[in-house]
Amino acid sequence: MKKDMDSANRFTSTEIRYAMRSLESLLGGELTESLINDLELYDLRIKNDRAEFGLAEITLAIEKRFGSASPILLEGITKALAQR
């Protein structure tokens, strides 16, 4: 089932981790794991399986951590989330 990215959907931490791992072919496994760990430090507790986050929360955490590189990263993550 695809999710409408324009709505106020919330994504589970499992879905977010899946989206991050979908970038592994571009970034490599080590860097992908590092990104997941970094997001934990920037208020996106995606290692907690019961957590849910809205797209705005995901975007804010990524922008805090990755600054000017965030649009490229966000594009990949939002595409992967839309397919879940």
PDB file of N, CA and C in Angstrom:
ATOM      1  N   MET A   1       0.836  -1.177   0.000  1.00  0.00           N
ATOM      2  CA  MET A   1       0.000   0.000   0.000  1.00  0.00           C
ATOM      3  C   MET A   1       0.885   1.246   0.000  1.00  0.00           C
ATOM      4  N   LYS A   2       0.652   2.135  -0.957  1.00  0.00           N
ATOM      5  CA  LYS A   2       1.440   3.355  -1.047  1.00  0.00           C
ATOM      6  C   LYS A   2       0.836   4.443  -0.177  1.00  0.00           C
ATOM      7  N   LYS A   3       1.694   5.255   0.389  1.00  0.00           N
ATOM      8  CA  LYS A   3       1.232   6.352   1.225  1.00  0.00           C
ATOM      9  C   LYS A   3       1.273   7.646   0.445  1.00  0.00           C
ATOM     10  N   ASP A   4       0.294   8.512   0.679  1.00  0.00           N
ATOM     11  CA  ASP A   4       0.236   9.825   0.053  1.00  0.00           C
ATOM     12  C   ASP A   4       1.171  10.762   0.819  1.00  0.00           C
ATOM     13  N   MET A   5       2.238  11.217   0.172  1.00  0.00           N
ATOM     14  CA  MET A   5       3.251  12.016   0.858  1.00  0.00           C
ATOM     15  C   MET A   5       2.730  13.402   1.235  1.00  0.00           C
ATOM     16  N   ASP A   6       1.623  13.876   0.635  1.00  0.00           N
ATOM     17  CA  ASP A   6       1.099  15.195   0.949  1.00  0.00           C
ATOM     18  C   ASP A   6       0.198  15.175   2.174  1.00  0.00           C
ATOM     19  N   SER A   7      -0.216  14.041   2.612  1.00  0.00           N
ATOM     20  CA  SER A   7      -1.097  13.974   3.766  1.00  0.00           C
ATOM     21  C   SER A   7      -0.281  13.946   5.048  1.00  0.00           C
ATOM     22  N   ALA A   8      -0.981  13.948   6.152  1.00  0.00           N
ATOM     23  CA  ALA A   8      -0.309  13.993   7.456  1.00  0.00           C
ATOM     24  C   ALA A   8       0.042  12.593   7.943  1.00  0.00           C
ATOM     25  N   ASN A   9       0.473  11.732   7.054  1.00  0.00           N
ATOM     26  CA  ASN A   9       0.848  10.368   7.434  1.00  0.00           C
ATOM     27  C   ASN A   9       1.990  10.380   8.425  1.00  0.00           C
ATOM     28  N   ARG A  10       1.973   9.360   9.223  1.00  0.00           N
ATOM     29  CA  ARG A  10       3.078   9.146  10.143  1.00  0.00           C
ATOM     30  C   ARG A  10       3.749   7.852   9.711  1.00  0.00           C
ATOM     31  N   PHE A  11       5.038   7.800   9.903  1.00  0.00           N
ATOM     32  CA  PHE A  11       5.818   6.644   9.493  1.00  0.00           C
ATOM     33  C   PHE A  11       6.440   6.014  10.722  1.00  0.00           C
ATOM     34  N   THR A  12       6.436   4.705  10.751  1.00  0.00           N
ATOM     35  CA  THR A  12       7.059   4.009  11.867  1.00  0.00           C
ATOM     36  C   THR A  12       8.576   4.069  11.721  1.00  0.00           C
ATOM     37  N   SER A  13       9.240   3.829  12.807  1.00  0.00           N
ATOM     38  CA  SER A  13      10.705   3.814  12.758  1.00  0.00           C
ATOM     39  C   SER A  13      11.197   2.718  11.826  1.00  0.00           C
ATOM     40  N   THR A  14      10.475   1.621  11.750  1.00  0.00           N
ATOM     41  CA  THR A  14      10.853   0.531  10.841  1.00  0.00           C
ATOM     42  C   THR A  14      10.787   1.002   9.392  1.00  0.00           C
ATOM     43  N   GLU A  15       9.736   1.747   9.032  1.00  0.00           N
ATOM     44  CA  GLU A  15       9.620   2.265   7.674  1.00  0.00           C
ATOM     45  C   GLU A  15      10.732   3.260   7.359  1.00  0.00           C
ATOM     46  N   ILE A  16      11.085   4.081   8.329  1.00  0.00           N
ATOM     47  CA  ILE A  16      12.147   5.070   8.120  1.00  0.00           C
ATOM     48  C   ILE A  16      13.496   4.371   7.951  1.00  0.00           C
ATOM     49  N   ARG A  17      13.763   3.378   8.783  1.00  0.00           N
ATOM     50  CA  ARG A  17      15.015   2.618   8.634  1.00  0.00           C
ATOM     51  C   ARG A  17      15.066   1.939   7.269  1.00  0.00           C
ATOM     52  N   TYR A  18      13.950   1.370   6.826  1.00  0.00           N
ATOM     53  CA  TYR A  18      13.883   0.738   5.508  1.00  0.00           C
ATOM     54  C   TYR A  18      14.211   1.769   4.418  1.00  0.00           C
ATOM     55  N   ALA A  19      13.623   2.957   4.540  1.00  0.00           N
ATOM     56  CA  ALA A  19      13.874   4.016   3.557  1.00  0.00           C
ATOM     57  C   ALA A  19      15.349   4.408   3.548  1.00  0.00           C
ATOM     58  N   MET A  20      15.933   4.529   4.736  1.00  0.00           N
ATOM     59  CA  MET A  20      17.354   4.871   4.816  1.00  0.00           C
ATOM     60  C   MET A  20      18.204   3.766   4.184  1.00  0.00           C
ATOM     61  N   ARG A  21      17.857   2.526   4.475  1.00  0.00           N
ATOM     62  CA  ARG A  21      18.644   1.410   3.940  1.00  0.00           C
ATOM     63  C   ARG A  21      18.480   1.271   2.426  1.00  0.00           C
ATOM     64  N   SER A  22      17.409   1.821   1.867  1.00  0.00           N
ATOM     65  CA  SER A  22      17.236   1.768   0.408  1.00  0.00           C
ATOM     66  C   SER A  22      18.297   2.605  -0.297  1.00  0.00           C
ATOM     67  N   LEU A  23      18.947   3.500   0.439  1.00  0.00           N
ATOM     68  CA  LEU A  23      20.017   4.327  -0.127  1.00  0.00           C
ATOM     69  C   LEU A  23      21.381   3.643  -0.051  1.00  0.00           C
ATOM     70  N   GLU A  24      21.394   2.450   0.530  1.00  0.00           N
ATOM     71  CA  GLU A  24      22.653   1.744   0.756  1.00  0.00           C
ATOM     72  C   GLU A  24      23.429   1.479  -0.538  1.00  0.00           C
ATOM     73  N   SER A  25      22.733   1.213  -1.624  1.00  0.00           N
ATOM     74  CA  SER A  25      23.439   0.942  -2.883  1.00  0.00           C
ATOM     75  C   SER A  25      24.186   2.181  -3.382  1.00  0.00           C
ATOM     76  N   LEU A  26      23.690   3.353  -3.036  1.00  0.00           N
ATOM     77  CA  LEU A  26      24.368   4.601  -3.422  1.00  0.00           C
ATOM     78  C   LEU A  26      25.449   5.005  -2.422  1.00  0.00           C
ATOM     79  N   LEU A  27      25.179   4.802  -1.148  1.00  0.00           N
ATOM     80  CA  LEU A  27      26.050   5.326  -0.103  1.00  0.00           C
ATOM     81  C   LEU A  27      26.997   4.295   0.500  1.00  0.00           C
ATOM     82  N   GLY A  28      26.639   3.033   0.385  1.00  0.00           N
ATOM     83  CA  GLY A  28      27.416   1.995   1.045  1.00  0.00           C
ATOM     84  C   GLY A  28      26.837   1.695   2.419  1.00  0.00           C
ATOM     85  N   GLY A  29      27.055   0.501   2.884  1.00  0.00           N
ATOM     86  CA  GLY A  29      26.487   0.050   4.151  1.00  0.00           C
ATOM     87  C   GLY A  29      26.980   0.810   5.364  1.00  0.00           C
ATOM     88  N   GLU A  30      28.260   1.088   5.407  1.00  0.00           N
ATOM     89  CA  GLU A  30      28.846   1.767   6.558  1.00  0.00           C
ATOM     90  C   GLU A  30      28.316   3.193   6.697  1.00  0.00           C
ATOM     91  N   LEU A  31      28.242   3.907   5.594  1.00  0.00           N
ATOM     92  CA  LEU A  31      27.743   5.283   5.629  1.00  0.00           C
ATOM     93  C   LEU A  31      26.251   5.314   5.964  1.00  0.00           C
ATOM     94  N   THR A  32      25.500   4.367   5.420  1.00  0.00           N
ATOM     95  CA  THR A  32      24.072   4.299   5.719  1.00  0.00           C
ATOM     96  C   THR A  32      23.841   4.077   7.208  1.00  0.00           C
ATOM     97  N   GLU A  33      24.571   3.166   7.798  1.00  0.00           N
ATOM     98  CA  GLU A  33      24.447   2.909   9.243  1.00  0.00           C
ATOM     99  C   GLU A  33      24.846   4.140  10.044  1.00  0.00           C
ATOM    100  N   SER A  34      25.864   4.837   9.593  1.00  0.00           N
ATOM    101  CA  SER A  34      26.296   6.077  10.246  1.00  0.00           C
ATOM    102  C   SER A  34      25.196   7.136  10.184  1.00  0.00           C
ATOM    103  N   LEU A  35      24.498   7.238   9.046  1.00  0.00           N
ATOM    104  CA  LEU A  35      23.393   8.194   8.915  1.00  0.00           C
ATOM    105  C   LEU A  35      22.274   7.872   9.896  1.00  0.00           C
ATOM    106  N   ILE A  36      21.951   6.597  10.019  1.00  0.00           N
ATOM    107  CA  ILE A  36      20.908   6.182  10.964  1.00  0.00           C
ATOM    108  C   ILE A  36      21.318   6.558  12.381  1.00  0.00           C
ATOM    109  N   ASN A  37      22.559   6.297  12.731  1.00  0.00           N
ATOM    110  CA  ASN A  37      23.047   6.650  14.071  1.00  0.00           C
ATOM    111  C   ASN A  37      23.033   8.159  14.292  1.00  0.00           C
ATOM    112  N   ASP A  38      23.408   8.926  13.270  1.00  0.00           N
ATOM    113  CA  ASP A  38      23.390  10.386  13.375  1.00  0.00           C
ATOM    114  C   ASP A  38      21.980  10.908  13.615  1.00  0.00           C
ATOM    115  N   LEU A  39      21.002  10.343  12.929  1.00  0.00           N
ATOM    116  CA  LEU A  39      19.626  10.806  13.103  1.00  0.00           C
ATOM    117  C   LEU A  39      19.118  10.540  14.507  1.00  0.00           C
ATOM    118  N   GLU A  40      19.622   9.503  15.145  1.00  0.00           N
ATOM    119  CA  GLU A  40      19.287   9.246  16.556  1.00  0.00           C
ATOM    120  C   GLU A  40      19.706  10.431  17.428  1.00  0.00           C
ATOM    121  N   LEU A  41      20.822  11.041  17.084  1.00  0.00           N
ATOM    122  CA  LEU A  41      21.322  12.183  17.853  1.00  0.00           C
ATOM    123  C   LEU A  41      20.534  13.463  17.572  1.00  0.00           C
ATOM    124  N   TYR A  42      19.834  13.496  16.443  1.00  0.00           N
ATOM    125  CA  TYR A  42      19.086  14.690  16.046  1.00  0.00           C
ATOM    126  C   TYR A  42      17.584  14.474  16.177  1.00  0.00           C
ATOM    127  N   ASP A  43      17.181  13.857  17.286  1.00  0.00           N
ATOM    128  CA  ASP A  43      15.775  13.742  17.697  1.00  0.00           C
ATOM    129  C   ASP A  43      14.910  12.820  16.853  1.00  0.00           C
ATOM    130  N   LEU A  44      15.487  11.986  16.046  1.00  0.00           N
ATOM    131  CA  LEU A  44      14.698  11.028  15.275  1.00  0.00           C
ATOM    132  C   LEU A  44      15.062   9.643  15.789  1.00  0.00           C
ATOM    133  N   ARG A  45      14.336   9.187  16.782  1.00  0.00           N
ATOM    134  CA  ARG A  45      14.647   7.925  17.459  1.00  0.00           C
ATOM    135  C   ARG A  45      14.155   6.732  16.638  1.00  0.00           C
ATOM    136  N   ILE A  46      14.856   6.448  15.551  1.00  0.00           N
ATOM    137  CA  ILE A  46      14.393   5.399  14.649  1.00  0.00           C
ATOM    138  C   ILE A  46      14.838   4.001  15.056  1.00  0.00           C
ATOM    139  N   LYS A  47      15.575   3.899  16.120  1.00  0.00           N
ATOM    140  CA  LYS A  47      15.927   2.564  16.617  1.00  0.00           C
ATOM    141  C   LYS A  47      14.867   2.046  17.588  1.00  0.00           C
ATOM    142  N   ASN A  48      13.929   2.909  17.981  1.00  0.00           N
ATOM    143  CA  ASN A  48      12.809   2.525  18.831  1.00  0.00           C
ATOM    144  C   ASN A  48      11.690   2.041  17.919  1.00  0.00           C
ATOM    145  N   ASP A  49      11.395   0.750  17.944  1.00  0.00           N
ATOM    146  CA  ASP A  49      10.428   0.176  17.015  1.00  0.00           C
ATOM    147  C   ASP A  49       9.005   0.687  17.204  1.00  0.00           C
ATOM    148  N   ARG A  50       8.715   1.321  18.316  1.00  0.00           N
ATOM    149  CA  ARG A  50       7.360   1.822  18.566  1.00  0.00           C
ATOM    150  C   ARG A  50       7.197   3.289  18.185  1.00  0.00           C
ATOM    151  N   ALA A  51       8.241   3.917  17.763  1.00  0.00           N
ATOM    152  CA  ALA A  51       8.187   5.345  17.444  1.00  0.00           C
ATOM    153  C   ALA A  51       7.541   5.582  16.085  1.00  0.00           C
ATOM    154  N   GLU A  52       6.851   6.708  15.984  1.00  0.00           N
ATOM    155  CA  GLU A  52       6.277   7.153  14.719  1.00  0.00           C
ATOM    156  C   GLU A  52       6.622   8.621  14.530  1.00  0.00           C
ATOM    157  N   PHE A  53       6.852   8.998  13.290  1.00  0.00           N
ATOM    158  CA  PHE A  53       7.226  10.375  12.987  1.00  0.00           C
ATOM    159  C   PHE A  53       6.486  10.846  11.746  1.00  0.00           C
ATOM    160  N   GLY A  54       6.151  12.120  11.731  1.00  0.00           N
ATOM    161  CA  GLY A  54       5.568  12.736  10.553  1.00  0.00           C
ATOM    162  C   GLY A  54       6.670  13.178   9.609  1.00  0.00           C
ATOM    163  N   LEU A  55       6.289  13.479   8.393  1.00  0.00           N
ATOM    164  CA  LEU A  55       7.268  13.893   7.388  1.00  0.00           C
ATOM    165  C   LEU A  55       8.000  15.160   7.816  1.00  0.00           C
ATOM    166  N   ALA A  56       7.295  16.074   8.491  1.00  0.00           N
ATOM    167  CA  ALA A  56       7.935  17.310   8.953  1.00  0.00           C
ATOM    168  C   ALA A  56       9.037  17.012   9.971  1.00  0.00           C
ATOM    169  N   GLU A  57       8.805  16.062  10.860  1.00  0.00           N
ATOM    170  CA  GLU A  57       9.819  15.691  11.853  1.00  0.00           C
ATOM    171  C   GLU A  57      11.035  15.041  11.185  1.00  0.00           C
ATOM    172  N   ILE A  58      10.783  14.214  10.209  1.00  0.00           N
ATOM    173  CA  ILE A  58      11.868  13.550   9.474  1.00  0.00           C
ATOM    174  C   ILE A  58      12.701  14.598   8.743  1.00  0.00           C
ATOM    175  N   THR A  59      12.010  15.510   8.070  1.00  0.00           N
ATOM    176  CA  THR A  59      12.693  16.572   7.315  1.00  0.00           C
ATOM    177  C   THR A  59      13.540  17.438   8.233  1.00  0.00           C
ATOM    178  N   LEU A  60      12.988  17.844   9.367  1.00  0.00           N
ATOM    179  CA  LEU A  60      13.717  18.702  10.302  1.00  0.00           C
ATOM    180  C   LEU A  60      14.986  18.022  10.816  1.00  0.00           C
ATOM    181  N   ALA A  61      14.888  16.762  11.194  1.00  0.00           N
ATOM    182  CA  ALA A  61      16.059  16.042  11.702  1.00  0.00           C
ATOM    183  C   ALA A  61      17.140  15.932  10.634  1.00  0.00           C
ATOM    184  N   ILE A  62      16.740  15.654   9.405  1.00  0.00           N
ATOM    185  CA  ILE A  62      17.714  15.520   8.315  1.00  0.00           C
ATOM    186  C   ILE A  62      18.342  16.874   7.993  1.00  0.00           C
ATOM    187  N   GLU A  63      17.538  17.925   7.974  1.00  0.00           N
ATOM    188  CA  GLU A  63      18.082  19.261   7.701  1.00  0.00           C
ATOM    189  C   GLU A  63      19.033  19.719   8.798  1.00  0.00           C
ATOM    190  N   LYS A  64      18.713  19.417  10.055  1.00  0.00           N
ATOM    191  CA  LYS A  64      19.608  19.771  11.164  1.00  0.00           C
ATOM    192  C   LYS A  64      20.971  19.103  10.993  1.00  0.00           C
ATOM    193  N   ARG A  65      20.937  17.851  10.596  1.00  0.00           N
ATOM    194  CA  ARG A  65      22.167  17.075  10.528  1.00  0.00           C
ATOM    195  C   ARG A  65      22.952  17.308   9.237  1.00  0.00           C
ATOM    196  N   PHE A  66      22.266  17.409   8.108  1.00  0.00           N
ATOM    197  CA  PHE A  66      22.957  17.389   6.826  1.00  0.00           C
ATOM    198  C   PHE A  66      22.956  18.709   6.080  1.00  0.00           C
ATOM    199  N   GLY A  67      22.272  19.700   6.587  1.00  0.00           N
ATOM    200  CA  GLY A  67      22.314  21.039   6.013  1.00  0.00           C
ATOM    201  C   GLY A  67      22.042  21.081   4.520  1.00  0.00           C
ATOM    202  N   SER A  68      22.971  21.618   3.761  1.00  0.00           N
ATOM    203  CA  SER A  68      22.770  21.834   2.320  1.00  0.00           C
ATOM    204  C   SER A  68      22.677  20.523   1.525  1.00  0.00           C
ATOM    205  N   ALA A  69      23.142  19.433   2.083  1.00  0.00           N
ATOM    206  CA  ALA A  69      23.044  18.144   1.399  1.00  0.00           C
ATOM    207  C   ALA A  69      21.683  17.486   1.620  1.00  0.00           C
ATOM    208  N   SER A  70      20.864  18.062   2.487  1.00  0.00           N
ATOM    209  CA  SER A  70      19.605  17.410   2.851  1.00  0.00           C
ATOM    210  C   SER A  70      18.608  17.252   1.704  1.00  0.00           C
ATOM    211  N   PRO A  71      18.480  18.163   0.723  1.00  0.00           N
ATOM    212  CA  PRO A  71      17.484  17.948  -0.333  1.00  0.00           C
ATOM    213  C   PRO A  71      17.689  16.644  -1.113  1.00  0.00           C
ATOM    214  N   ILE A  72      18.909  16.315  -1.393  1.00  0.00           N
ATOM    215  CA  ILE A  72      19.202  15.088  -2.136  1.00  0.00           C
ATOM    216  C   ILE A  72      18.852  13.869  -1.285  1.00  0.00           C
ATOM    217  N   LEU A  73      19.245  13.901  -0.041  1.00  0.00           N
ATOM    218  CA  LEU A  73      18.959  12.806   0.876  1.00  0.00           C
ATOM    219  C   LEU A  73      17.459  12.675   1.109  1.00  0.00           C
ATOM    220  N   LEU A  74      16.782  13.793   1.312  1.00  0.00           N
ATOM    221  CA  LEU A  74      15.338  13.776   1.529  1.00  0.00           C
ATOM    222  C   LEU A  74      14.586  13.213   0.329  1.00  0.00           C
ATOM    223  N   GLU A  75      15.037  13.538  -0.860  1.00  0.00           N
ATOM    224  CA  GLU A  75      14.374  13.029  -2.066  1.00  0.00           C
ATOM    225  C   GLU A  75      14.401  11.504  -2.090  1.00  0.00           C
ATOM    226  N   GLY A  76      15.555  10.943  -1.806  1.00  0.00           N
ATOM    227  CA  GLY A  76      15.672   9.483  -1.794  1.00  0.00           C
ATOM    228  C   GLY A  76      14.831   8.840  -0.707  1.00  0.00           C
ATOM    229  N   ILE A  77      14.828   9.441   0.467  1.00  0.00           N
ATOM    230  CA  ILE A  77      14.069   8.881   1.585  1.00  0.00           C
ATOM    231  C   ILE A  77      12.561   8.995   1.340  1.00  0.00           C
ATOM    232  N   THR A  78      12.104  10.149   0.865  1.00  0.00           N
ATOM    233  CA  THR A  78      10.668  10.319   0.640  1.00  0.00           C
ATOM    234  C   THR A  78      10.168   9.398  -0.477  1.00  0.00           C
ATOM    235  N   LYS A  79      10.974   9.167  -1.484  1.00  0.00           N
ATOM    236  CA  LYS A  79      10.584   8.220  -2.538  1.00  0.00           C
ATOM    237  C   LYS A  79      10.427   6.818  -1.952  1.00  0.00           C
ATOM    238  N   ALA A  80      11.364   6.425  -1.110  1.00  0.00           N
ATOM    239  CA  ALA A  80      11.293   5.099  -0.499  1.00  0.00           C
ATOM    240  C   ALA A  80      10.097   5.002   0.450  1.00  0.00           C
ATOM    241  N   LEU A  81       9.813   6.047   1.213  1.00  0.00           N
ATOM    242  CA  LEU A  81       8.664   6.045   2.117  1.00  0.00           C
ATOM    243  C   LEU A  81       7.350   5.980   1.341  1.00  0.00           C
ATOM    244  N   ALA A  82       7.285   6.617   0.208  1.00  0.00           N
ATOM    245  CA  ALA A  82       6.065   6.613  -0.599  1.00  0.00           C
ATOM    246  C   ALA A  82       5.744   5.214  -1.138  1.00  0.00           C
ATOM    247  N   GLN A  83       6.749   4.378  -1.261  1.00  0.00           N
ATOM    248  CA  GLN A  83       6.556   3.040  -1.797  1.00  0.00           C
ATOM    249  C   GLN A  83       6.186   2.026  -0.725  1.00  0.00           C
ATOM    250  N   ARG A  84       6.314   2.387   0.525  1.00  0.00           N
ATOM    251  CA  ARG A  84       6.008   1.458   1.635  1.00  0.00           C
ATOM    252  C   ARG A  84       4.545   1.377   1.908  1.00  0.00           C
TER     253      ARG A  84
END
